[in-house]
Amino acid sequence: MKNFDFRIILGIGLILLGLLYFFQEIGLISEIGGLLWATIFLAGGILFLVYFVTQSKHWWPLIPGATLVGIGILIGIDLLFPALNGDIGGFIFMASIAIAFIFIYFQSRENWWALIPGGVLGTLSLVILLDSFPIGIDTGALFMLGMGLTFFIVGTLDTPHGRMRWAYIPAVILAVIGVIILAPDIPFINYLWPVALILVGLVAIVFSLRKR
């Protein structure tokens, strides 16, 4: 695969895309235009993903690849199941990009940073999905808690640069903000504050004694 020149394939793809767009504008493919665009985006995304598989030292094709596949699926759902598009369209688009960043991390543990946008976008995709249902909970709180969990996971990682302990700081801050937003929706949460203060105090004492 050393002779695989992605720029040539990309150039051909852009030419075909331009021709198809022109044919749609003059009405030659108006009847199958939507399905055709879905196929084009899926094919383009798969092309980027194939390039990633064959040239695994490069992680960047995962982002456009997953994004284009997500758009292709989105167009396909809009055509085949139009009633569902409003509920899951944004979820699919955001989730596809989130998956790309998560795979970037697994491609190389040096790419620990990719978990941050991956976690944030993944959380946002779930929030968008949950907003379509009457769950009775402020999804803004879930977004904050999800971001807090993302930074907590980053803090637990063993990277080539050591443990990212700094990530625990935004994790705690975001979690506290999420709990504050969530408090009005959960009556018993007020009882958790004194428990949390006691636990924090105990942790501080334990860490202080361990250092002696």
N, C-alpha and C. Protein backbone atom coordinates (compact mmCIF):
# COMPACT_ATOMS: atom_id res chain seq x y z
N MET A 1 0.81 -1.21 0.00
CA MET A 1 0.00 0.00 0.00
C MET A 1 0.85 1.27 0.00
N LYS A 2 2.14 1.12 -0.27
CA LYS A 2 3.00 2.29 -0.24
C LYS A 2 2.68 3.26 -1.36
N ASN A 3 2.12 2.74 -2.48
CA ASN A 3 1.82 3.59 -3.62
C ASN A 3 0.43 4.21 -3.53
N PHE A 4 -0.24 3.97 -2.44
CA PHE A 4 -1.59 4.50 -2.26
C PHE A 4 -1.49 6.00 -2.03
N ASP A 5 -1.96 6.77 -3.00
CA ASP A 5 -1.93 8.23 -2.89
C ASP A 5 -3.35 8.71 -2.65
N PHE A 6 -3.60 9.09 -1.43
CA PHE A 6 -4.95 9.49 -1.05
C PHE A 6 -5.38 10.76 -1.77
N ARG A 7 -4.44 11.61 -2.13
CA ARG A 7 -4.79 12.87 -2.78
C ARG A 7 -5.44 12.64 -4.14
N ILE A 8 -5.00 11.59 -4.86
CA ILE A 8 -5.60 11.29 -6.16
C ILE A 8 -7.05 10.84 -5.98
N ILE A 9 -7.26 9.94 -5.01
CA ILE A 9 -8.63 9.48 -4.75
C ILE A 9 -9.51 10.63 -4.30
N LEU A 10 -8.97 11.50 -3.45
CA LEU A 10 -9.73 12.64 -2.98
C LEU A 10 -10.08 13.58 -4.13
N GLY A 11 -9.12 13.80 -5.03
CA GLY A 11 -9.37 14.66 -6.19
C GLY A 11 -10.46 14.11 -7.08
N ILE A 12 -10.40 12.80 -7.35
CA ILE A 12 -11.43 12.17 -8.17
C ILE A 12 -12.79 12.27 -7.49
N GLY A 13 -12.80 12.05 -6.18
CA GLY A 13 -14.05 12.14 -5.44
C GLY A 13 -14.66 13.53 -5.49
N LEU A 14 -13.81 14.57 -5.39
CA LEU A 14 -14.32 15.94 -5.45
C LEU A 14 -14.87 16.26 -6.84
N ILE A 15 -14.22 15.75 -7.87
CA ILE A 15 -14.71 15.97 -9.24
C ILE A 15 -16.08 15.33 -9.42
N LEU A 16 -16.20 14.07 -8.97
CA LEU A 16 -17.49 13.38 -9.07
C LEU A 16 -18.56 14.09 -8.25
N LEU A 17 -18.17 14.58 -7.09
CA LEU A 17 -19.12 15.30 -6.25
C LEU A 17 -19.61 16.56 -6.94
N GLY A 18 -18.68 17.29 -7.58
CA GLY A 18 -19.07 18.49 -8.31
C GLY A 18 -20.00 18.19 -9.47
N LEU A 19 -19.71 17.10 -10.20
CA LEU A 19 -20.57 16.72 -11.32
C LEU A 19 -21.97 16.33 -10.85
N LEU A 20 -22.01 15.56 -9.77
CA LEU A 20 -23.31 15.14 -9.26
C LEU A 20 -24.13 16.33 -8.76
N TYR A 21 -23.44 17.27 -8.12
CA TYR A 21 -24.14 18.47 -7.65
C TYR A 21 -24.69 19.26 -8.85
N PHE A 22 -23.89 19.33 -9.92
CA PHE A 22 -24.33 20.04 -11.13
C PHE A 22 -25.54 19.35 -11.75
N PHE A 23 -25.49 18.01 -11.83
CA PHE A 23 -26.60 17.26 -12.41
C PHE A 23 -27.87 17.42 -11.58
N GLN A 24 -27.71 17.51 -10.27
CA GLN A 24 -28.87 17.72 -9.42
C GLN A 24 -29.47 19.10 -9.64
N GLU A 25 -28.61 20.09 -9.83
CA GLU A 25 -29.10 21.46 -10.03
C GLU A 25 -29.87 21.60 -11.33
N ILE A 26 -29.49 20.84 -12.35
CA ILE A 26 -30.19 20.95 -13.64
C ILE A 26 -31.34 19.94 -13.74
N GLY A 27 -31.57 19.19 -12.66
CA GLY A 27 -32.74 18.32 -12.59
C GLY A 27 -32.58 16.92 -13.11
N LEU A 28 -31.37 16.50 -13.42
CA LEU A 28 -31.17 15.16 -13.97
C LEU A 28 -31.31 14.06 -12.92
N ILE A 29 -31.02 14.38 -11.67
CA ILE A 29 -31.06 13.34 -10.64
C ILE A 29 -31.94 13.78 -9.47
N SER A 30 -32.94 14.60 -9.77
CA SER A 30 -33.77 15.14 -8.69
C SER A 30 -34.53 14.06 -7.93
N GLU A 31 -34.95 13.00 -8.63
CA GLU A 31 -35.77 11.99 -7.99
C GLU A 31 -34.99 11.13 -7.00
N ILE A 32 -33.73 10.92 -7.28
CA ILE A 32 -32.93 10.07 -6.39
C ILE A 32 -31.83 10.88 -5.70
N GLY A 33 -31.99 12.19 -5.72
CA GLY A 33 -30.94 13.06 -5.19
C GLY A 33 -30.58 12.77 -3.75
N GLY A 34 -31.60 12.65 -2.87
CA GLY A 34 -31.33 12.42 -1.45
C GLY A 34 -30.60 11.13 -1.20
N LEU A 35 -31.07 10.05 -1.80
CA LEU A 35 -30.42 8.75 -1.62
C LEU A 35 -29.01 8.77 -2.18
N LEU A 36 -28.84 9.48 -3.28
CA LEU A 36 -27.51 9.57 -3.89
C LEU A 36 -26.55 10.31 -2.98
N TRP A 37 -27.01 11.42 -2.38
CA TRP A 37 -26.14 12.17 -1.48
C TRP A 37 -25.79 11.35 -0.25
N ALA A 38 -26.74 10.58 0.24
CA ALA A 38 -26.44 9.70 1.38
C ALA A 38 -25.35 8.70 1.01
N THR A 39 -25.45 8.14 -0.19
CA THR A 39 -24.45 7.18 -0.66
C THR A 39 -23.09 7.84 -0.82
N ILE A 40 -23.09 9.06 -1.34
CA ILE A 40 -21.83 9.78 -1.54
C ILE A 40 -21.13 10.04 -0.21
N PHE A 41 -21.88 10.53 0.76
CA PHE A 41 -21.27 10.81 2.07
C PHE A 41 -20.78 9.53 2.74
N LEU A 42 -21.56 8.46 2.64
CA LEU A 42 -21.13 7.18 3.20
C LEU A 42 -19.86 6.68 2.52
N ALA A 43 -19.84 6.76 1.19
CA ALA A 43 -18.67 6.30 0.44
C ALA A 43 -17.45 7.14 0.78
N GLY A 44 -17.65 8.47 0.88
CA GLY A 44 -16.53 9.34 1.24
C GLY A 44 -16.00 9.03 2.62
N GLY A 45 -16.91 8.81 3.57
CA GLY A 45 -16.48 8.47 4.92
C GLY A 45 -15.74 7.15 4.97
N ILE A 46 -16.26 6.15 4.26
CA ILE A 46 -15.60 4.84 4.22
C ILE A 46 -14.22 4.96 3.60
N LEU A 47 -14.08 5.82 2.60
CA LEU A 47 -12.79 6.03 1.96
C LEU A 47 -11.76 6.55 2.97
N PHE A 48 -12.15 7.52 3.76
CA PHE A 48 -11.25 8.03 4.80
C PHE A 48 -10.91 6.94 5.82
N LEU A 49 -11.90 6.14 6.19
CA LEU A 49 -11.66 5.08 7.17
C LEU A 49 -10.74 4.00 6.62
N VAL A 50 -10.90 3.68 5.33
CA VAL A 50 -9.99 2.72 4.69
C VAL A 50 -8.57 3.26 4.68
N TYR A 51 -8.45 4.55 4.42
CA TYR A 51 -7.11 5.16 4.44
C TYR A 51 -6.50 5.06 5.83
N PHE A 52 -7.32 5.24 6.86
CA PHE A 52 -6.81 5.11 8.23
C PHE A 52 -6.34 3.68 8.50
N VAL A 53 -7.10 2.70 8.05
CA VAL A 53 -6.74 1.30 8.28
C VAL A 53 -5.45 0.95 7.56
N THR A 54 -5.28 1.46 6.35
CA THR A 54 -4.09 1.12 5.57
C THR A 54 -2.88 1.97 5.95
N GLN A 55 -3.13 3.14 6.51
CA GLN A 55 -2.04 4.03 6.93
C GLN A 55 -2.26 4.37 8.41
N SER A 56 -2.18 3.38 9.26
CA SER A 56 -2.62 3.53 10.64
C SER A 56 -1.78 4.52 11.46
N LYS A 57 -0.62 4.93 10.94
CA LYS A 57 0.18 5.90 11.68
C LYS A 57 -0.47 7.29 11.67
N HIS A 58 -1.41 7.50 10.75
CA HIS A 58 -2.13 8.78 10.67
C HIS A 58 -3.50 8.61 11.32
N TRP A 59 -3.79 9.45 12.31
CA TRP A 59 -5.09 9.36 12.98
C TRP A 59 -6.12 10.32 12.41
N TRP A 60 -5.68 11.34 11.69
CA TRP A 60 -6.60 12.39 11.26
C TRP A 60 -7.74 11.90 10.36
N PRO A 61 -7.56 10.84 9.51
CA PRO A 61 -8.69 10.43 8.65
C PRO A 61 -9.91 9.95 9.43
N LEU A 62 -9.72 9.59 10.70
CA LEU A 62 -10.86 9.13 11.49
C LEU A 62 -11.92 10.22 11.65
N ILE A 63 -11.47 11.47 11.78
CA ILE A 63 -12.43 12.56 12.03
C ILE A 63 -13.32 12.82 10.82
N PRO A 64 -12.74 13.13 9.62
CA PRO A 64 -13.64 13.31 8.47
C PRO A 64 -14.37 12.02 8.09
N GLY A 65 -13.71 10.86 8.29
CA GLY A 65 -14.35 9.60 7.94
C GLY A 65 -15.61 9.36 8.75
N ALA A 66 -15.48 9.45 10.07
CA ALA A 66 -16.65 9.22 10.93
C ALA A 66 -17.71 10.30 10.73
N THR A 67 -17.27 11.55 10.51
CA THR A 67 -18.23 12.64 10.30
C THR A 67 -19.05 12.43 9.04
N LEU A 68 -18.38 12.06 7.95
CA LEU A 68 -19.09 11.84 6.68
C LEU A 68 -20.03 10.65 6.77
N VAL A 69 -19.59 9.59 7.44
CA VAL A 69 -20.47 8.43 7.63
C VAL A 69 -21.70 8.84 8.45
N GLY A 70 -21.48 9.65 9.49
CA GLY A 70 -22.60 10.13 10.29
C GLY A 70 -23.58 10.95 9.48
N ILE A 71 -23.06 11.83 8.62
CA ILE A 71 -23.94 12.64 7.77
C ILE A 71 -24.70 11.76 6.79
N GLY A 72 -24.00 10.76 6.22
CA GLY A 72 -24.66 9.84 5.30
C GLY A 72 -25.80 9.09 5.97
N ILE A 73 -25.56 8.60 7.19
CA ILE A 73 -26.61 7.90 7.94
C ILE A 73 -27.76 8.86 8.25
N LEU A 74 -27.41 10.10 8.57
CA LEU A 74 -28.42 11.12 8.89
C LEU A 74 -29.33 11.37 7.70
N ILE A 75 -28.74 11.52 6.51
CA ILE A 75 -29.53 11.75 5.30
C ILE A 75 -30.40 10.53 5.01
N GLY A 76 -29.81 9.33 5.18
CA GLY A 76 -30.57 8.11 4.93
C GLY A 76 -31.77 7.97 5.85
N ILE A 77 -31.58 8.29 7.13
CA ILE A 77 -32.70 8.21 8.08
C ILE A 77 -33.77 9.23 7.73
N ASP A 78 -33.34 10.43 7.30
CA ASP A 78 -34.30 11.47 6.93
C ASP A 78 -35.16 11.02 5.74
N LEU A 79 -34.56 10.24 4.84
CA LEU A 79 -35.29 9.75 3.67
C LEU A 79 -36.19 8.57 4.01
N LEU A 80 -35.65 7.62 4.77
CA LEU A 80 -36.37 6.37 5.03
C LEU A 80 -37.31 6.46 6.24
N PHE A 81 -36.86 7.21 7.26
CA PHE A 81 -37.67 7.34 8.49
C PHE A 81 -37.74 8.81 8.89
N PRO A 82 -38.43 9.64 8.12
CA PRO A 82 -38.44 11.09 8.39
C PRO A 82 -38.95 11.46 9.78
N ALA A 83 -39.81 10.63 10.35
CA ALA A 83 -40.35 10.95 11.67
C ALA A 83 -39.29 10.85 12.76
N LEU A 84 -38.25 10.04 12.52
CA LEU A 84 -37.21 9.85 13.53
C LEU A 84 -36.11 10.89 13.46
N ASN A 85 -35.98 11.56 12.34
CA ASN A 85 -34.83 12.43 12.13
C ASN A 85 -34.71 13.52 13.18
N GLY A 86 -35.85 14.10 13.57
CA GLY A 86 -35.79 15.18 14.55
C GLY A 86 -35.35 14.71 15.92
N ASP A 87 -35.59 13.43 16.23
CA ASP A 87 -35.26 12.91 17.54
C ASP A 87 -33.81 12.44 17.64
N ILE A 88 -33.30 11.83 16.60
CA ILE A 88 -31.97 11.21 16.70
C ILE A 88 -30.95 11.78 15.74
N GLY A 89 -31.35 12.77 14.93
CA GLY A 89 -30.42 13.32 13.95
C GLY A 89 -29.18 13.92 14.58
N GLY A 90 -29.38 14.83 15.53
CA GLY A 90 -28.24 15.46 16.20
C GLY A 90 -27.42 14.47 17.00
N PHE A 91 -28.11 13.48 17.59
CA PHE A 91 -27.41 12.43 18.35
C PHE A 91 -26.46 11.66 17.46
N ILE A 92 -26.92 11.25 16.28
CA ILE A 92 -26.08 10.48 15.37
C ILE A 92 -24.87 11.29 14.92
N PHE A 93 -25.10 12.56 14.57
CA PHE A 93 -24.00 13.39 14.07
C PHE A 93 -22.93 13.59 15.14
N MET A 94 -23.35 13.99 16.34
CA MET A 94 -22.39 14.23 17.42
C MET A 94 -21.71 12.93 17.86
N ALA A 95 -22.48 11.85 17.93
CA ALA A 95 -21.92 10.57 18.37
C ALA A 95 -20.88 10.06 17.39
N SER A 96 -21.10 10.29 16.10
CA SER A 96 -20.13 9.81 15.10
C SER A 96 -18.78 10.50 15.27
N ILE A 97 -18.80 11.81 15.56
CA ILE A 97 -17.54 12.53 15.77
C ILE A 97 -16.90 12.09 17.08
N ALA A 98 -17.73 11.88 18.11
CA ALA A 98 -17.21 11.43 19.41
C ALA A 98 -16.50 10.08 19.27
N ILE A 99 -17.10 9.17 18.52
CA ILE A 99 -16.49 7.85 18.31
C ILE A 99 -15.14 7.99 17.63
N ALA A 100 -15.04 8.93 16.68
CA ALA A 100 -13.76 9.15 16.00
C ALA A 100 -12.67 9.52 16.99
N PHE A 101 -12.95 10.45 17.89
CA PHE A 101 -11.94 10.87 18.88
C PHE A 101 -11.59 9.73 19.84
N ILE A 102 -12.57 8.93 20.21
CA ILE A 102 -12.29 7.81 21.10
C ILE A 102 -11.37 6.80 20.42
N PHE A 103 -11.60 6.54 19.14
CA PHE A 103 -10.72 5.63 18.40
C PHE A 103 -9.32 6.22 18.24
N ILE A 104 -9.24 7.55 18.15
CA ILE A 104 -7.92 8.19 18.07
C ILE A 104 -7.12 7.88 19.32
N TYR A 105 -7.78 7.89 20.48
CA TYR A 105 -7.08 7.54 21.72
C TYR A 105 -6.61 6.09 21.70
N PHE A 106 -7.47 5.18 21.28
CA PHE A 106 -7.09 3.77 21.27
C PHE A 106 -6.05 3.46 20.20
N GLN A 107 -5.94 4.34 19.19
CA GLN A 107 -4.91 4.15 18.18
C GLN A 107 -3.53 4.34 18.76
N SER A 108 -3.41 5.25 19.72
CA SER A 108 -2.14 5.48 20.40
C SER A 108 -2.43 6.14 21.75
N ARG A 109 -1.89 5.56 22.81
CA ARG A 109 -2.14 6.11 24.14
C ARG A 109 -1.52 7.49 24.32
N GLU A 110 -0.65 7.89 23.39
CA GLU A 110 -0.12 9.26 23.44
C GLU A 110 -1.20 10.28 23.11
N ASN A 111 -2.25 9.82 22.48
CA ASN A 111 -3.36 10.71 22.11
C ASN A 111 -4.42 10.77 23.20
N TRP A 112 -3.97 10.83 24.46
CA TRP A 112 -4.90 10.89 25.59
C TRP A 112 -5.84 12.08 25.50
N TRP A 113 -5.35 13.14 24.88
CA TRP A 113 -6.13 14.37 24.76
C TRP A 113 -7.43 14.15 23.99
N ALA A 114 -7.44 13.14 23.09
CA ALA A 114 -8.62 12.90 22.26
C ALA A 114 -9.83 12.48 23.08
N LEU A 115 -9.60 11.96 24.29
CA LEU A 115 -10.73 11.57 25.13
C LEU A 115 -11.54 12.77 25.60
N ILE A 116 -10.91 13.94 25.66
CA ILE A 116 -11.63 15.13 26.13
C ILE A 116 -12.70 15.55 25.11
N PRO A 117 -12.32 15.84 23.84
CA PRO A 117 -13.40 16.14 22.87
C PRO A 117 -14.32 14.96 22.64
N GLY A 118 -13.77 13.73 22.72
CA GLY A 118 -14.62 12.55 22.55
C GLY A 118 -15.67 12.45 23.64
N GLY A 119 -15.25 12.67 24.89
CA GLY A 119 -16.19 12.61 26.00
C GLY A 119 -17.20 13.73 25.98
N VAL A 120 -16.73 14.94 25.65
CA VAL A 120 -17.63 16.10 25.61
C VAL A 120 -18.68 15.92 24.51
N LEU A 121 -18.23 15.53 23.32
CA LEU A 121 -19.17 15.34 22.21
C LEU A 121 -20.10 14.15 22.46
N GLY A 122 -19.55 13.09 23.08
CA GLY A 122 -20.39 11.96 23.42
C GLY A 122 -21.47 12.33 24.42
N THR A 123 -21.09 13.11 25.42
CA THR A 123 -22.07 13.59 26.40
C THR A 123 -23.11 14.47 25.74
N LEU A 124 -22.65 15.36 24.86
CA LEU A 124 -23.57 16.26 24.16
C LEU A 124 -24.55 15.46 23.30
N SER A 125 -24.07 14.40 22.67
CA SER A 125 -24.96 13.58 21.84
C SER A 125 -26.05 12.93 22.69
N LEU A 126 -25.69 12.45 23.88
CA LEU A 126 -26.68 11.86 24.77
C LEU A 126 -27.68 12.90 25.27
N VAL A 127 -27.18 14.11 25.55
CA VAL A 127 -28.07 15.19 26.00
C VAL A 127 -29.07 15.53 24.90
N ILE A 128 -28.59 15.61 23.66
CA ILE A 128 -29.49 15.89 22.53
C ILE A 128 -30.55 14.81 22.41
N LEU A 129 -30.14 13.55 22.59
CA LEU A 129 -31.10 12.45 22.50
C LEU A 129 -32.11 12.50 23.64
N LEU A 130 -31.63 12.75 24.86
CA LEU A 130 -32.53 12.77 26.02
C LEU A 130 -33.48 13.96 25.98
N ASP A 131 -33.07 15.05 25.32
CA ASP A 131 -33.94 16.21 25.20
C ASP A 131 -35.22 15.89 24.42
N SER A 132 -35.17 14.80 23.66
CA SER A 132 -36.35 14.42 22.87
C SER A 132 -37.38 13.67 23.70
N PHE A 133 -37.03 13.34 24.94
CA PHE A 133 -37.93 12.56 25.79
C PHE A 133 -38.18 13.31 27.10
N PRO A 134 -39.38 13.20 27.65
CA PRO A 134 -39.70 13.89 28.92
C PRO A 134 -39.14 13.14 30.12
N ILE A 135 -37.86 13.29 30.38
CA ILE A 135 -37.23 12.54 31.47
C ILE A 135 -37.37 13.24 32.82
N GLY A 136 -37.77 14.51 32.81
CA GLY A 136 -38.00 15.22 34.07
C GLY A 136 -36.75 15.67 34.79
N ILE A 137 -35.61 15.63 34.12
CA ILE A 137 -34.34 16.05 34.72
C ILE A 137 -33.68 17.07 33.80
N ASP A 138 -33.08 18.08 34.38
CA ASP A 138 -32.38 19.11 33.61
C ASP A 138 -31.19 18.47 32.90
N THR A 139 -31.23 18.43 31.57
CA THR A 139 -30.14 17.80 30.82
C THR A 139 -28.85 18.61 30.89
N GLY A 140 -28.96 19.88 31.26
CA GLY A 140 -27.75 20.68 31.47
C GLY A 140 -26.91 20.10 32.59
N ALA A 141 -27.57 19.58 33.62
CA ALA A 141 -26.86 18.94 34.73
C ALA A 141 -26.17 17.67 34.25
N LEU A 142 -26.85 16.90 33.41
CA LEU A 142 -26.25 15.68 32.87
C LEU A 142 -25.04 16.00 32.00
N PHE A 143 -25.11 17.12 31.29
CA PHE A 143 -23.97 17.53 30.46
C PHE A 143 -22.76 17.84 31.33
N MET A 144 -22.98 18.58 32.41
CA MET A 144 -21.89 18.90 33.33
C MET A 144 -21.32 17.64 33.98
N LEU A 145 -22.19 16.74 34.40
CA LEU A 145 -21.74 15.49 35.02
C LEU A 145 -20.96 14.64 34.02
N GLY A 146 -21.43 14.62 32.77
CA GLY A 146 -20.73 13.86 31.74
C GLY A 146 -19.35 14.40 31.47
N MET A 147 -19.23 15.74 31.42
CA MET A 147 -17.90 16.33 31.22
C MET A 147 -17.01 16.07 32.43
N GLY A 148 -17.60 16.12 33.62
CA GLY A 148 -16.83 15.80 34.82
C GLY A 148 -16.31 14.38 34.78
N LEU A 149 -17.15 13.44 34.34
CA LEU A 149 -16.73 12.04 34.22
C LEU A 149 -15.61 11.90 33.19
N THR A 150 -15.70 12.68 32.12
CA THR A 150 -14.66 12.65 31.08
C THR A 150 -13.30 13.02 31.67
N PHE A 151 -13.26 14.13 32.40
CA PHE A 151 -11.99 14.56 32.99
C PHE A 151 -11.52 13.59 34.07
N PHE A 152 -12.46 12.99 34.80
CA PHE A 152 -12.08 12.00 35.81
C PHE A 152 -11.39 10.80 35.15
N ILE A 153 -11.94 10.35 34.03
CA ILE A 153 -11.32 9.23 33.30
C ILE A 153 -9.93 9.61 32.82
N VAL A 154 -9.79 10.84 32.30
CA VAL A 154 -8.46 11.30 31.86
C VAL A 154 -7.48 11.28 33.02
N GLY A 155 -7.94 11.66 34.21
CA GLY A 155 -7.07 11.67 35.38
C GLY A 155 -6.60 10.30 35.80
N THR A 156 -7.34 9.25 35.45
CA THR A 156 -6.96 7.89 35.85
C THR A 156 -6.02 7.22 34.86
N LEU A 157 -5.77 7.87 33.72
CA LEU A 157 -5.00 7.22 32.66
C LEU A 157 -3.50 7.23 32.96
N ASP A 158 -2.85 6.16 32.56
CA ASP A 158 -1.39 6.11 32.54
C ASP A 158 -0.93 6.45 31.12
N THR A 159 -0.37 7.62 30.94
CA THR A 159 0.08 8.07 29.63
C THR A 159 1.60 8.07 29.58
N PRO A 160 2.18 8.21 28.38
CA PRO A 160 3.64 8.32 28.28
C PRO A 160 4.21 9.50 29.05
N HIS A 161 3.35 10.46 29.39
CA HIS A 161 3.78 11.64 30.14
C HIS A 161 3.43 11.53 31.62
N GLY A 162 2.99 10.35 32.05
CA GLY A 162 2.60 10.16 33.44
C GLY A 162 1.11 10.33 33.65
N ARG A 163 0.68 10.29 34.89
CA ARG A 163 -0.73 10.45 35.22
C ARG A 163 -1.15 11.91 35.09
N MET A 164 -2.31 12.12 34.50
CA MET A 164 -2.84 13.47 34.31
C MET A 164 -3.70 13.86 35.51
N ARG A 165 -3.05 14.02 36.67
CA ARG A 165 -3.80 14.28 37.90
C ARG A 165 -4.50 15.64 37.89
N TRP A 166 -4.01 16.56 37.08
CA TRP A 166 -4.64 17.87 37.00
C TRP A 166 -6.10 17.76 36.55
N ALA A 167 -6.43 16.67 35.83
CA ALA A 167 -7.78 16.51 35.30
C ALA A 167 -8.82 16.33 36.40
N TYR A 168 -8.36 15.93 37.60
CA TYR A 168 -9.31 15.76 38.71
C TYR A 168 -9.92 17.10 39.13
N ILE A 169 -9.18 18.19 38.92
CA ILE A 169 -9.69 19.51 39.33
C ILE A 169 -10.93 19.90 38.53
N PRO A 170 -10.85 19.94 37.16
CA PRO A 170 -12.08 20.25 36.42
C PRO A 170 -13.15 19.18 36.61
N ALA A 171 -12.73 17.92 36.87
CA ALA A 171 -13.72 16.86 37.09
C ALA A 171 -14.58 17.17 38.31
N VAL A 172 -13.94 17.57 39.40
CA VAL A 172 -14.68 17.88 40.62
C VAL A 172 -15.54 19.13 40.43
N ILE A 173 -14.96 20.16 39.81
CA ILE A 173 -15.70 21.41 39.61
C ILE A 173 -16.96 21.17 38.77
N LEU A 174 -16.79 20.44 37.66
CA LEU A 174 -17.93 20.17 36.77
C LEU A 174 -18.97 19.29 37.46
N ALA A 175 -18.50 18.32 38.24
CA ALA A 175 -19.44 17.45 38.96
C ALA A 175 -20.25 18.23 39.98
N VAL A 176 -19.60 19.14 40.69
CA VAL A 176 -20.30 19.97 41.68
C VAL A 176 -21.34 20.85 40.99
N ILE A 177 -20.95 21.46 39.86
CA ILE A 177 -21.90 22.30 39.12
C ILE A 177 -23.09 21.46 38.66
N GLY A 178 -22.81 20.25 38.17
CA GLY A 178 -23.88 19.37 37.74
C GLY A 178 -24.83 19.01 38.86
N VAL A 179 -24.28 18.72 40.03
CA VAL A 179 -25.12 18.37 41.19
C VAL A 179 -25.95 19.57 41.62
N ILE A 180 -25.37 20.77 41.59
CA ILE A 180 -26.11 21.98 41.97
C ILE A 180 -27.29 22.20 41.02
N ILE A 181 -27.05 22.01 39.72
CA ILE A 181 -28.14 22.17 38.75
C ILE A 181 -29.20 21.10 38.95
N LEU A 182 -28.74 19.90 39.31
CA LEU A 182 -29.65 18.76 39.46
C LEU A 182 -30.46 18.80 40.76
N ALA A 183 -29.97 19.54 41.74
CA ALA A 183 -30.55 19.53 43.08
C ALA A 183 -32.06 19.76 43.12
N PRO A 184 -32.61 20.76 42.41
CA PRO A 184 -34.07 20.98 42.50
C PRO A 184 -34.90 19.80 42.00
N ASP A 185 -34.33 18.95 41.15
CA ASP A 185 -35.08 17.84 40.59
C ASP A 185 -35.04 16.59 41.46
N ILE A 186 -34.13 16.56 42.45
CA ILE A 186 -33.99 15.38 43.31
C ILE A 186 -34.13 15.83 44.76
N PRO A 187 -35.27 15.60 45.40
CA PRO A 187 -35.51 16.12 46.76
C PRO A 187 -34.49 15.67 47.79
N PHE A 188 -34.09 14.39 47.75
CA PHE A 188 -33.20 13.87 48.80
C PHE A 188 -31.75 14.31 48.64
N ILE A 189 -31.46 15.04 47.54
CA ILE A 189 -30.06 15.40 47.30
C ILE A 189 -29.53 16.36 48.36
N ASN A 190 -30.44 17.09 49.02
CA ASN A 190 -30.00 18.01 50.07
C ASN A 190 -29.33 17.28 51.23
N TYR A 191 -29.70 16.01 51.42
CA TYR A 191 -29.08 15.23 52.49
C TYR A 191 -27.68 14.76 52.11
N LEU A 192 -27.37 14.84 50.82
CA LEU A 192 -26.06 14.36 50.37
C LEU A 192 -24.95 15.37 50.66
N TRP A 193 -25.32 16.65 50.79
CA TRP A 193 -24.28 17.67 51.00
C TRP A 193 -23.51 17.44 52.30
N PRO A 194 -24.17 17.24 53.44
CA PRO A 194 -23.38 16.98 54.65
C PRO A 194 -22.56 15.71 54.55
N VAL A 195 -23.12 14.68 53.89
CA VAL A 195 -22.37 13.44 53.70
C VAL A 195 -21.13 13.70 52.85
N ALA A 196 -21.30 14.50 51.79
CA ALA A 196 -20.17 14.82 50.92
C ALA A 196 -19.09 15.58 51.68
N LEU A 197 -19.50 16.54 52.51
CA LEU A 197 -18.53 17.31 53.29
C LEU A 197 -17.76 16.41 54.25
N ILE A 198 -18.47 15.47 54.87
CA ILE A 198 -17.81 14.53 55.79
C ILE A 198 -16.79 13.68 55.04
N LEU A 199 -17.19 13.18 53.86
CA LEU A 199 -16.29 12.34 53.07
C LEU A 199 -15.05 13.11 52.62
N VAL A 200 -15.25 14.35 52.18
CA VAL A 200 -14.11 15.18 51.77
C VAL A 200 -13.17 15.41 52.95
N GLY A 201 -13.75 15.67 54.12
CA GLY A 201 -12.92 15.85 55.31
C GLY A 201 -12.13 14.60 55.65
N LEU A 202 -12.77 13.43 55.57
CA LEU A 202 -12.08 12.17 55.85
C LEU A 202 -10.95 11.92 54.85
N VAL A 203 -11.22 12.20 53.58
CA VAL A 203 -10.18 12.01 52.55
C VAL A 203 -9.00 12.92 52.82
N ALA A 204 -9.26 14.18 53.20
CA ALA A 204 -8.18 15.12 53.49
C ALA A 204 -7.34 14.62 54.66
N ILE A 205 -7.99 14.08 55.70
CA ILE A 205 -7.26 13.57 56.86
C ILE A 205 -6.41 12.37 56.48
N VAL A 206 -6.99 11.45 55.70
CA VAL A 206 -6.26 10.24 55.28
C VAL A 206 -5.02 10.60 54.48
N PHE A 207 -5.17 11.51 53.52
CA PHE A 207 -4.02 11.91 52.70
C PHE A 207 -2.96 12.59 53.55
N SER A 208 -3.40 13.38 54.54
CA SER A 208 -2.44 14.06 55.41
C SER A 208 -1.66 13.06 56.24
N LEU A 209 -2.33 12.03 56.77
CA LEU A 209 -1.65 11.02 57.58
C LEU A 209 -0.72 10.15 56.75
N ARG A 210 -1.09 9.88 55.50
CA ARG A 210 -0.25 9.04 54.65
C ARG A 210 1.06 9.72 54.29
N LYS A 211 1.07 11.05 54.26
CA LYS A 211 2.29 11.77 53.90
C LYS A 211 3.29 11.82 55.04
N ARG A 212 2.85 11.52 56.25
CA ARG A 212 3.76 11.58 57.41
C ARG A 212 4.62 10.33 57.50
